[in-house]
Protein backbone atom coordinates (compact mmCIF):
# COMPACT_ATOMS: atom_id res chain seq x y z
CA UNK A 1 0.94 -47.79 33.27
CA UNK A 2 -0.43 -49.84 30.40
CA UNK A 3 -1.01 -53.49 30.86
CA UNK A 4 -1.37 -55.67 27.81
CA UNK A 5 -1.93 -59.40 27.26
CA UNK A 6 -2.73 -61.80 24.49
CA UNK A 7 -6.38 -62.63 25.38
CA UNK A 8 -8.00 -60.63 22.61
CA UNK A 9 -9.33 -63.12 20.10
CA UNK A 10 -9.00 -66.12 22.41
CA UNK A 11 -12.26 -65.73 24.31
CA UNK A 12 -14.11 -68.62 22.62
CA UNK A 13 -11.05 -70.91 22.77
CA UNK A 14 -10.54 -70.27 26.47
CA UNK A 15 -14.22 -70.69 27.37
CA UNK A 16 -14.07 -74.45 26.74
CA UNK A 17 -10.95 -75.55 28.68
CA UNK A 18 -11.51 -73.15 31.63
CA UNK A 19 -14.85 -74.27 32.97
CA UNK A 20 -14.46 -73.09 36.54
CA UNK A 21 -14.22 -75.07 39.76
CA UNK A 22 -17.28 -75.58 41.92
CA UNK A 23 -15.14 -76.23 45.02
CA UNK A 24 -13.50 -72.77 44.62
CA UNK A 25 -16.95 -71.22 44.23
CA UNK A 26 -18.00 -72.90 47.46
CA UNK A 27 -14.97 -71.40 49.18
CA UNK A 28 -15.75 -67.90 47.84
CA UNK A 29 -19.39 -68.16 48.96
CA UNK A 30 -18.33 -69.38 52.43
CA UNK A 31 -16.11 -66.28 52.84
CA UNK A 32 -18.93 -63.99 51.73
CA UNK A 33 -21.22 -65.70 54.26
CA UNK A 34 -19.05 -64.69 57.19
CA UNK A 35 -20.09 -61.02 57.27
CA UNK A 36 -23.63 -60.07 58.39
CA UNK A 37 -26.07 -59.13 55.64
CA UNK A 38 -27.42 -55.60 55.44
CA UNK A 39 -31.12 -55.81 54.45
CA UNK A 40 -32.06 -53.60 51.53
CA UNK A 41 -28.47 -53.22 50.40
CA UNK A 42 -27.15 -55.57 47.68
CA UNK A 43 -23.83 -57.20 48.58
CA UNK A 44 -21.18 -55.99 46.14
CA UNK A 45 -18.69 -58.69 45.21
CA UNK A 46 -15.77 -57.95 42.89
CA UNK A 47 -14.18 -60.45 40.53
CA UNK A 48 -10.90 -59.32 38.99
CA UNK A 49 -10.00 -60.80 35.64
CA UNK A 50 -13.46 -62.27 35.10
CA UNK A 51 -12.77 -63.27 31.47
CA UNK A 52 -15.91 -64.76 29.98
CA UNK A 53 -17.34 -65.89 33.32
CA UNK A 54 -16.39 -69.54 33.74
CA UNK A 55 -15.91 -69.29 37.49
CA UNK A 56 -18.46 -66.54 37.96
CA UNK A 57 -21.29 -68.85 36.96
CA UNK A 58 -20.39 -71.31 39.73
CA UNK A 59 -20.11 -68.45 42.28
CA UNK A 60 -23.60 -67.15 41.47
CA UNK A 61 -25.07 -70.67 41.77
CA UNK A 62 -23.36 -71.22 45.12
CA UNK A 63 -24.46 -67.86 46.46
CA UNK A 64 -28.08 -68.55 45.53
CA UNK A 65 -27.95 -72.02 47.09
CA UNK A 66 -26.89 -70.26 50.34
CA UNK A 67 -29.82 -67.86 50.14
CA UNK A 68 -28.02 -64.80 48.75
CA UNK A 69 -30.53 -63.14 46.46
CA UNK A 70 -29.59 -59.47 46.91
CA UNK A 71 -26.09 -59.20 45.48
CA UNK A 72 -24.23 -58.14 42.39
CA UNK A 73 -20.85 -59.26 41.05
CA UNK A 74 -18.89 -56.38 39.52
CA UNK A 75 -16.78 -58.22 36.95
CA UNK A 76 -13.66 -56.42 35.88
CA UNK A 77 -11.51 -57.39 32.89
CA UNK A 78 -9.30 -55.63 30.37
CA UNK A 79 -10.18 -57.85 27.45
CA UNK A 80 -13.16 -56.11 25.93
CA UNK A 81 -12.81 -54.66 22.50
CA UNK A 82 -13.15 -57.01 19.59
CA UNK A 83 -9.77 -58.11 18.29
CA UNK A 84 -8.51 -57.77 14.75
CA UNK A 85 -10.60 -59.90 12.44
CA UNK A 86 -13.75 -59.34 14.56
CA UNK A 87 -12.91 -62.01 17.16
CA UNK A 88 -14.63 -61.19 20.45
CA UNK A 89 -12.80 -60.24 23.61
CA UNK A 90 -13.66 -62.13 26.80
CA UNK A 91 -16.02 -59.49 28.14
CA UNK A 92 -17.83 -59.54 24.80
CA UNK A 93 -18.46 -63.28 25.37
CA UNK A 94 -19.45 -62.64 29.00
CA UNK A 95 -22.02 -60.08 27.89
CA UNK A 96 -23.40 -62.55 25.33
CA UNK A 97 -23.68 -65.25 28.01
CA UNK A 98 -25.59 -62.90 30.35
CA UNK A 99 -27.87 -61.65 27.55
CA UNK A 100 -28.73 -65.27 26.57
CA UNK A 101 -29.57 -66.20 30.20
CA UNK A 102 -26.67 -68.64 30.43
CA UNK A 103 -25.23 -66.52 33.30
CA UNK A 104 -26.99 -64.36 35.89
CA UNK A 105 -27.84 -60.74 35.14
CA UNK A 106 -26.51 -59.95 38.62
CA UNK A 107 -23.08 -60.02 36.93
CA UNK A 108 -22.02 -56.52 35.88
CA UNK A 109 -19.26 -56.61 33.30
CA UNK A 110 -16.88 -53.70 33.50
CA UNK A 111 -14.02 -53.00 31.09
CA UNK A 112 -11.14 -51.72 33.18
CA UNK A 113 -7.44 -51.40 32.49
CA UNK A 114 -5.92 -52.22 35.90
CA UNK A 115 -3.12 -49.98 37.12
CA UNK A 116 -2.42 -52.21 40.15
CA UNK A 117 -3.39 -49.52 42.63
CA UNK A 118 -7.03 -48.63 42.80
CA UNK A 119 -10.44 -49.77 41.50
CA UNK A 120 -13.19 -47.24 40.76
CA UNK A 121 -15.25 -48.27 43.80
CA UNK A 122 -16.23 -46.31 46.85
CA UNK A 123 -14.32 -47.32 49.99
CA UNK A 124 -16.23 -49.72 52.19
CA UNK A 125 -18.72 -50.85 49.55
CA UNK A 126 -17.18 -54.19 48.61
CA UNK A 127 -18.08 -57.28 50.65
CA UNK A 128 -15.57 -59.60 48.99
CA UNK A 129 -13.02 -59.51 46.12
CA UNK A 130 -11.48 -62.50 44.35
CA UNK A 131 -9.55 -63.63 41.27
CA UNK A 132 -9.82 -67.04 39.64
CA UNK A 133 -7.91 -68.58 36.72
CA UNK A 134 -6.02 -65.38 36.03
CA UNK A 135 -3.06 -66.41 33.90
CA UNK A 136 -2.01 -66.02 30.25
CA UNK A 137 -3.02 -68.49 27.59
CA UNK A 138 -0.60 -71.21 26.48
CA UNK A 139 1.62 -70.62 23.44
CA UNK A 140 -0.60 -73.16 21.52
CA UNK A 141 -3.73 -71.15 22.29
CA UNK A 142 -2.12 -67.90 21.29
CA UNK A 143 -1.02 -69.42 17.93
CA UNK A 144 -4.59 -70.58 17.20
CA UNK A 145 -6.08 -67.11 17.75
């Protein structure tokens, strides 16, 4: 099954209007907090449709406020390759934000074309999985790309 969408080339446009929601990040962190921590084992958190990391930045801040230092966020998204005309995909922008220090290096960007059935993760290794702001761009945004 091939899933396509119109995000390629919109990464920088979308980054501005979709800034993330601190209250949602607080909810995510509160859910992660409910399970006991396993010392010496980083907590694996999965974000589906990470885009360029608007919500992910707030989640990492909230986790660290709560004392979570040993974790990683495996950040899956389809939008990776640069679009026609050299415009970056959202994961390209996410990688740039991590490399510049704007976002935590505990975020692990992964290009993955979802089939709706399985993620390439070992069973029982994920502490929490979430999606945030996963919807297509407006017609106006698509026209500007």
